[in-house]
Amino acid sequence: MVIYGWRSSHIVTHDAKNITCPSCGEKGGIVNIFHGKYFHFFWIPTFSLGKKGTAHCTKCDDTFSSKKMPENIDRQYREMKSEVRIPLWHFSGIAILALFIAFIAYSSKVEAKNELAYITNPLAGDVYEYQEEPENFSTLKVVEVTKDSILYLINNYAFTTKNGIEKIEIDSCYGKDLYIMSRTELKNMFNKGTIYDVNRK
């Protein structure tokens, strides 16, 4: 299945006034036809590859490519081509990508703001994903919150990467021993990046 490549679309057709066709000698039958070429990905126009055109005689049906146009046709053709604008929808993919990047950036900003609020105001049931060592990722679960501290459980399991860590965020994976940490220590762990994600249901 071809999911990328290039295509072209008709942009505009202009009458070439007062031009005589060198093939049939008729006057007023020449039209300049312009097409835009674009690259597509999953059939979505991504970016323009330029524009090109031909001159066509409606009287004798002869066609002249841009490289083989007689001088009298070529002059007006080039003038018209300079005024032809590539459709904005030929850049749809770039616009979609820009919006997607903006959405990701906005979502990340909102998520970071929420996580900071969760760390500042912890609740029982919060789960913190943290990195203890270079290849040791696990979770802590808040059980109780006091004015100055939190009481939490440590997960008995760990992953060597962040991927898949949600699989051990279940009650049966946590030990029974309670640990205590000050809110200041908690915030410092978050600021240092030791705690890198906060999950609150």
C-alpha atoms as a PDB file:
ATOM      1  CA  MET A   1       0.000   0.000   0.000  1.00  0.00           C
ATOM      2  CA  VAL A   2       1.420   3.382  -1.046  1.00  0.00           C
ATOM      3  CA  ILE A   3       0.917   5.857   1.800  1.00  0.00           C
ATOM      4  CA  TYR A   4       3.126   8.642   0.502  1.00  0.00           C
ATOM      5  CA  GLY A   5       4.159  10.128  -2.808  1.00  0.00           C
ATOM      6  CA  TRP A   6       3.233  13.067  -4.952  1.00  0.00           C
ATOM      7  CA  ARG A   7       0.133  14.219  -6.773  1.00  0.00           C
ATOM      8  CA  SER A   8      -1.000  17.231  -8.737  1.00  0.00           C
ATOM      9  CA  SER A   9      -4.197  19.221  -8.845  1.00  0.00           C
ATOM     10  CA  HIS A  10      -5.625  21.774 -11.248  1.00  0.00           C
ATOM     11  CA  ILE A  11      -5.198  25.315 -10.009  1.00  0.00           C
ATOM     12  CA  VAL A  12      -6.581  27.541 -12.729  1.00  0.00           C
ATOM     13  CA  THR A  13      -7.080  27.925 -16.488  1.00  0.00           C
ATOM     14  CA  HIS A  14      -6.549  31.308 -18.110  1.00  0.00           C
ATOM     15  CA  ASP A  15      -7.394  32.390 -21.636  1.00  0.00           C
ATOM     16  CA  ALA A  16      -4.355  33.634 -23.530  1.00  0.00           C
ATOM     17  CA  LYS A  17      -5.915  36.561 -25.400  1.00  0.00           C
ATOM     18  CA  ASN A  18      -4.836  37.649 -28.872  1.00  0.00           C
ATOM     19  CA  ILE A  19      -2.457  34.699 -29.259  1.00  0.00           C
ATOM     20  CA  THR A  20      -2.310  32.837 -32.558  1.00  0.00           C
ATOM     21  CA  CYS A  21      -1.794  29.075 -32.447  1.00  0.00           C
ATOM     22  CA  PRO A  22       1.333  28.159 -34.447  1.00  0.00           C
ATOM     23  CA  SER A  23      -0.181  24.768 -35.307  1.00  0.00           C
ATOM     24  CA  CYS A  24      -3.534  25.745 -36.811  1.00  0.00           C
ATOM     25  CA  GLY A  25      -3.137  29.505 -37.275  1.00  0.00           C
ATOM     26  CA  GLU A  26      -6.357  30.241 -35.348  1.00  0.00           C
ATOM     27  CA  LYS A  27      -6.442  33.195 -32.980  1.00  0.00           C
ATOM     28  CA  GLY A  28      -8.046  33.267 -29.529  1.00  0.00           C
ATOM     29  CA  GLY A  29      -8.068  29.532 -28.868  1.00  0.00           C
ATOM     30  CA  ILE A  30      -5.011  29.287 -26.622  1.00  0.00           C
ATOM     31  CA  VAL A  31      -5.558  28.641 -22.920  1.00  0.00           C
ATOM     32  CA  ASN A  32      -2.887  28.304 -20.219  1.00  0.00           C
ATOM     33  CA  ILE A  33      -3.600  25.479 -17.778  1.00  0.00           C
ATOM     34  CA  PHE A  34      -1.772  25.476 -14.429  1.00  0.00           C
ATOM     35  CA  HIS A  35      -1.362  22.583 -12.000  1.00  0.00           C
ATOM     36  CA  GLY A  36       0.195  22.436  -8.559  1.00  0.00           C
ATOM     37  CA  LYS A  37       2.317  19.473  -7.509  1.00  0.00           C
ATOM     38  CA  TYR A  38       2.447  18.419  -3.869  1.00  0.00           C
ATOM     39  CA  PHE A  39       3.865  15.698  -1.651  1.00  0.00           C
ATOM     40  CA  HIS A  40       1.279  13.706   0.308  1.00  0.00           C
ATOM     41  CA  PHE A  41       1.530  11.458   3.336  1.00  0.00           C
ATOM     42  CA  PHE A  42      -1.420   9.144   3.979  1.00  0.00           C
ATOM     43  CA  TRP A  43      -3.049  11.052   1.128  1.00  0.00           C
ATOM     44  CA  ILE A  44      -2.915  14.303   3.094  1.00  0.00           C
ATOM     45  CA  PRO A  45      -1.213  17.120   1.118  1.00  0.00           C
ATOM     46  CA  THR A  46       1.894  17.890   3.150  1.00  0.00           C
ATOM     47  CA  PHE A  47       3.906  20.485   1.244  1.00  0.00           C
ATOM     48  CA  SER A  48       4.032  21.997  -2.209  1.00  0.00           C
ATOM     49  CA  LEU A  49       6.452  20.853  -4.890  1.00  0.00           C
ATOM     50  CA  GLY A  50       5.792  23.865  -7.066  1.00  0.00           C
ATOM     51  CA  LYS A  51       3.559  24.624 -10.012  1.00  0.00           C
ATOM     52  CA  LYS A  52       3.726  23.947 -13.723  1.00  0.00           C
ATOM     53  CA  GLY A  53       1.531  24.434 -16.739  1.00  0.00           C
ATOM     54  CA  THR A  54       0.878  23.901 -20.411  1.00  0.00           C
ATOM     55  CA  ALA A  55      -0.612  25.924 -23.231  1.00  0.00           C
ATOM     56  CA  HIS A  56      -3.477  24.249 -25.064  1.00  0.00           C
ATOM     57  CA  CYS A  57      -5.242  25.200 -28.281  1.00  0.00           C
ATOM     58  CA  THR A  58      -8.981  24.605 -28.049  1.00  0.00           C
ATOM     59  CA  LYS A  59      -9.274  24.908 -31.829  1.00  0.00           C
ATOM     60  CA  CYS A  60      -6.894  22.151 -32.961  1.00  0.00           C
ATOM     61  CA  ASP A  61      -6.364  20.395 -29.614  1.00  0.00           C
ATOM     62  CA  ASP A  62      -2.583  20.790 -29.784  1.00  0.00           C
ATOM     63  CA  THR A  63      -0.685  21.158 -26.500  1.00  0.00           C
ATOM     64  CA  PHE A  64       2.595  22.954 -25.810  1.00  0.00           C
ATOM     65  CA  SER A  65       4.708  22.069 -22.787  1.00  0.00           C
ATOM     66  CA  SER A  66       6.453  24.849 -20.872  1.00  0.00           C
ATOM     67  CA  LYS A  67       9.813  23.779 -22.344  1.00  0.00           C
ATOM     68  CA  LYS A  68       8.652  23.784 -25.977  1.00  0.00           C
ATOM     69  CA  MET A  69       6.417  26.826 -26.234  1.00  0.00           C
ATOM     70  CA  PRO A  70       6.742  29.212 -29.175  1.00  0.00           C
ATOM     71  CA  GLU A  71       7.949  32.637 -28.095  1.00  0.00           C
ATOM     72  CA  ASN A  72       4.592  34.388 -28.598  1.00  0.00           C
ATOM     73  CA  ILE A  73       2.852  31.875 -26.292  1.00  0.00           C
ATOM     74  CA  ASP A  74       5.708  31.568 -23.790  1.00  0.00           C
ATOM     75  CA  ARG A  75       5.819  35.287 -22.977  1.00  0.00           C
ATOM     76  CA  GLN A  76       2.192  35.488 -21.871  1.00  0.00           C
ATOM     77  CA  TYR A  77       2.382  32.070 -20.223  1.00  0.00           C
ATOM     78  CA  ARG A  78       5.231  33.187 -17.960  1.00  0.00           C
ATOM     79  CA  GLU A  79       3.402  36.392 -17.021  1.00  0.00           C
ATOM     80  CA  MET A  80       0.334  34.397 -16.023  1.00  0.00           C
ATOM     81  CA  LYS A  81       2.378  31.794 -14.153  1.00  0.00           C
ATOM     82  CA  SER A  82       3.979  34.484 -11.970  1.00  0.00           C
ATOM     83  CA  GLU A  83       0.499  35.533 -10.803  1.00  0.00           C
ATOM     84  CA  VAL A  84      -0.779  32.024 -10.098  1.00  0.00           C
ATOM     85  CA  ARG A  85      -0.809  31.216  -6.372  1.00  0.00           C
ATOM     86  CA  ILE A  86      -0.316  27.718  -5.004  1.00  0.00           C
ATOM     87  CA  PRO A  87      -3.431  26.689  -2.996  1.00  0.00           C
ATOM     88  CA  LEU A  88      -2.974  26.795   0.768  1.00  0.00           C
ATOM     89  CA  TRP A  89      -4.466  23.322   1.114  1.00  0.00           C
ATOM     90  CA  HIS A  90      -1.316  21.956  -0.560  1.00  0.00           C
ATOM     91  CA  PHE A  91       0.339  22.714   2.798  1.00  0.00           C
ATOM     92  CA  SER A  92      -2.351  20.993   4.904  1.00  0.00           C
ATOM     93  CA  GLY A  93       0.067  18.435   6.354  1.00  0.00           C
ATOM     94  CA  ILE A  94       2.430  21.117   7.625  1.00  0.00           C
ATOM     95  CA  ALA A  95      -0.491  22.976   9.222  1.00  0.00           C
ATOM     96  CA  ILE A  96      -1.755  19.768  10.867  1.00  0.00           C
ATOM     97  CA  LEU A  97       1.743  18.959  12.129  1.00  0.00           C
ATOM     98  CA  ALA A  98       2.145  22.457  13.559  1.00  0.00           C
ATOM     99  CA  LEU A  99      -1.201  22.189  15.342  1.00  0.00           C
ATOM    100  CA  PHE A 100      -0.266  18.753  16.671  1.00  0.00           C
ATOM    101  CA  ILE A 101       3.052  20.038  18.034  1.00  0.00           C
ATOM    102  CA  ALA A 102       1.284  23.010  19.609  1.00  0.00           C
ATOM    103  CA  PHE A 103      -1.280  20.672  21.189  1.00  0.00           C
ATOM    104  CA  ILE A 104       1.459  18.400  22.589  1.00  0.00           C
ATOM    105  CA  ALA A 105       3.332  21.393  23.987  1.00  0.00           C
ATOM    106  CA  TYR A 106       0.156  22.771  25.566  1.00  0.00           C
ATOM    107  CA  SER A 107      -0.801  19.363  26.992  1.00  0.00           C
ATOM    108  CA  SER A 108       2.683  18.904  28.455  1.00  0.00           C
ATOM    109  CA  LYS A 109       2.499  22.335  30.045  1.00  0.00           C
ATOM    110  CA  VAL A 110      -0.908  21.595  31.562  1.00  0.00           C
ATOM    111  CA  GLU A 111       0.251  18.176  32.770  1.00  0.00           C
ATOM    112  CA  ALA A 112       3.364  19.668  34.401  1.00  0.00           C
ATOM    113  CA  LYS A 113       1.215  22.289  36.120  1.00  0.00           C
ATOM    114  CA  ASN A 114      -1.185  19.616  37.397  1.00  0.00           C
ATOM    115  CA  GLU A 115       1.655  17.427  38.655  1.00  0.00           C
ATOM    116  CA  LEU A 116       3.170  20.331  40.578  1.00  0.00           C
ATOM    117  CA  ALA A 117      -0.245  20.968  42.152  1.00  0.00           C
ATOM    118  CA  TYR A 118      -0.510  17.255  43.063  1.00  0.00           C
ATOM    119  CA  ILE A 119       2.943  17.323  44.686  1.00  0.00           C
ATOM    120  CA  THR A 120       2.159  20.517  46.584  1.00  0.00           C
ATOM    121  CA  ASN A 121      -1.168  19.130  47.781  1.00  0.00           C
ATOM    122  CA  PRO A 122      -0.770  15.332  48.020  1.00  0.00           C
ATOM    123  CA  LEU A 123      -3.755  13.059  48.588  1.00  0.00           C
ATOM    124  CA  ALA A 124      -4.078   9.497  49.780  1.00  0.00           C
ATOM    125  CA  GLY A 125      -4.106   7.242  46.741  1.00  0.00           C
ATOM    126  CA  ASP A 126      -1.624   9.304  44.711  1.00  0.00           C
ATOM    127  CA  VAL A 127       0.957   7.177  42.938  1.00  0.00           C
ATOM    128  CA  TYR A 128       4.413   8.581  42.195  1.00  0.00           C
ATOM    129  CA  GLU A 129       6.523   7.091  39.430  1.00  0.00           C
ATOM    130  CA  TYR A 130      10.187   7.562  40.281  1.00  0.00           C
ATOM    131  CA  GLN A 131      13.682   6.632  39.145  1.00  0.00           C
ATOM    132  CA  GLU A 132      15.824   5.232  41.936  1.00  0.00           C
ATOM    133  CA  GLU A 133      18.837   4.292  39.799  1.00  0.00           C
ATOM    134  CA  PRO A 134      19.768   4.650  36.087  1.00  0.00           C
ATOM    135  CA  GLU A 135      17.851   1.483  35.181  1.00  0.00           C
ATOM    136  CA  ASN A 136      15.467   1.146  38.095  1.00  0.00           C
ATOM    137  CA  PHE A 137      11.974   2.632  37.762  1.00  0.00           C
ATOM    138  CA  SER A 138       9.248   1.957  40.303  1.00  0.00           C
ATOM    139  CA  THR A 139       6.373   3.590  42.197  1.00  0.00           C
ATOM    140  CA  LEU A 140       5.378   4.909  45.606  1.00  0.00           C
ATOM    141  CA  LYS A 141       1.792   5.031  46.809  1.00  0.00           C
ATOM    142  CA  VAL A 142       0.519   7.621  49.279  1.00  0.00           C
ATOM    143  CA  VAL A 143      -1.519   6.076  52.100  1.00  0.00           C
ATOM    144  CA  GLU A 144      -1.961   9.018  54.449  1.00  0.00           C
ATOM    145  CA  VAL A 145      -1.244  12.732  54.408  1.00  0.00           C
ATOM    146  CA  THR A 146      -0.449  14.869  57.451  1.00  0.00           C
ATOM    147  CA  LYS A 147       0.230  18.567  57.753  1.00  0.00           C
ATOM    148  CA  ASP A 148       3.977  18.179  57.201  1.00  0.00           C
ATOM    149  CA  SER A 149       4.477  14.680  55.817  1.00  0.00           C
ATOM    150  CA  ILE A 150       3.126  11.794  53.785  1.00  0.00           C
ATOM    151  CA  LEU A 151       2.992   8.109  54.675  1.00  0.00           C
ATOM    152  CA  TYR A 152       3.551   5.815  51.736  1.00  0.00           C
ATOM    153  CA  LEU A 153       4.125   2.266  50.524  1.00  0.00           C
ATOM    154  CA  ILE A 154       6.996   1.135  48.309  1.00  0.00           C
ATOM    155  CA  ASN A 155       6.395  -1.053  45.289  1.00  0.00           C
ATOM    156  CA  ASN A 156       8.109  -4.442  45.498  1.00  0.00           C
ATOM    157  CA  TYR A 157       8.728  -4.461  41.748  1.00  0.00           C
ATOM    158  CA  ALA A 158      10.676  -2.308  39.323  1.00  0.00           C
ATOM    159  CA  PHE A 159      11.254  -1.871  35.590  1.00  0.00           C
ATOM    160  CA  THR A 160      14.508  -1.153  33.771  1.00  0.00           C
ATOM    161  CA  THR A 161      12.680   1.472  31.664  1.00  0.00           C
ATOM    162  CA  LYS A 162       9.733   3.800  32.104  1.00  0.00           C
ATOM    163  CA  ASN A 163       7.725   1.857  29.542  1.00  0.00           C
ATOM    164  CA  GLY A 164       5.200  -0.527  31.049  1.00  0.00           C
ATOM    165  CA  ILE A 165       5.584   0.712  34.608  1.00  0.00           C
ATOM    166  CA  GLU A 166       1.805   1.132  34.843  1.00  0.00           C
ATOM    167  CA  LYS A 167       1.585  -2.690  34.964  1.00  0.00           C
ATOM    168  CA  ILE A 168       2.900  -2.691  38.537  1.00  0.00           C
ATOM    169  CA  GLU A 169       0.703   0.159  39.775  1.00  0.00           C
ATOM    170  CA  ILE A 170      -1.659  -2.260  41.515  1.00  0.00           C
ATOM    171  CA  ASP A 171      -2.258  -2.808  45.238  1.00  0.00           C
ATOM    172  CA  SER A 172      -0.902  -6.368  45.311  1.00  0.00           C
ATOM    173  CA  CYS A 173       2.532  -5.126  44.153  1.00  0.00           C
ATOM    174  CA  TYR A 174       3.114  -2.930  47.213  1.00  0.00           C
ATOM    175  CA  GLY A 175       4.746  -3.982  50.453  1.00  0.00           C
ATOM    176  CA  LYS A 176       3.062  -3.660  53.831  1.00  0.00           C
ATOM    177  CA  ASP A 177       5.645  -1.482  55.576  1.00  0.00           C
ATOM    178  CA  LEU A 178       4.785   2.197  55.898  1.00  0.00           C
ATOM    179  CA  TYR A 179       7.407   4.877  55.272  1.00  0.00           C
ATOM    180  CA  ILE A 180       7.277   8.568  56.042  1.00  0.00           C
ATOM    181  CA  MET A 181       8.560  11.511  54.069  1.00  0.00           C
ATOM    182  CA  SER A 182       8.284  15.254  54.662  1.00  0.00           C
ATOM    183  CA  ARG A 183       6.475  17.360  52.109  1.00  0.00           C
ATOM    184  CA  THR A 184       9.732  19.246  51.551  1.00  0.00           C
ATOM    185  CA  GLU A 185      11.546  16.004  50.685  1.00  0.00           C
ATOM    186  CA  LEU A 186       8.706  15.074  48.356  1.00  0.00           C
ATOM    187  CA  LYS A 187       8.878  18.374  46.512  1.00  0.00           C
ATOM    188  CA  ASN A 188      12.670  18.139  46.250  1.00  0.00           C
ATOM    189  CA  MET A 189      12.385  14.678  44.671  1.00  0.00           C
ATOM    190  CA  PHE A 190       9.966  16.111  42.113  1.00  0.00           C
ATOM    191  CA  ASN A 191      12.113  19.172  41.370  1.00  0.00           C
ATOM    192  CA  LYS A 192      15.182  16.966  40.848  1.00  0.00           C
ATOM    193  CA  GLY A 193      13.255  14.714  38.492  1.00  0.00           C
ATOM    194  CA  THR A 194      13.536  11.654  40.740  1.00  0.00           C
ATOM    195  CA  ILE A 195       9.741  11.631  40.790  1.00  0.00           C
ATOM    196  CA  TYR A 196       8.833  12.160  37.126  1.00  0.00           C
ATOM    197  CA  ASP A 197       5.117  11.414  37.030  1.00  0.00           C
ATOM    198  CA  VAL A 198       2.147  11.703  39.364  1.00  0.00           C
ATOM    199  CA  ASN A 199      -0.992   9.636  38.877  1.00  0.00           C
ATOM    200  CA  ARG A 200      -4.180  10.630  40.634  1.00  0.00           C
ATOM    201  CA  LYS A 201      -7.485   8.876  40.054  1.00  0.00           C
END
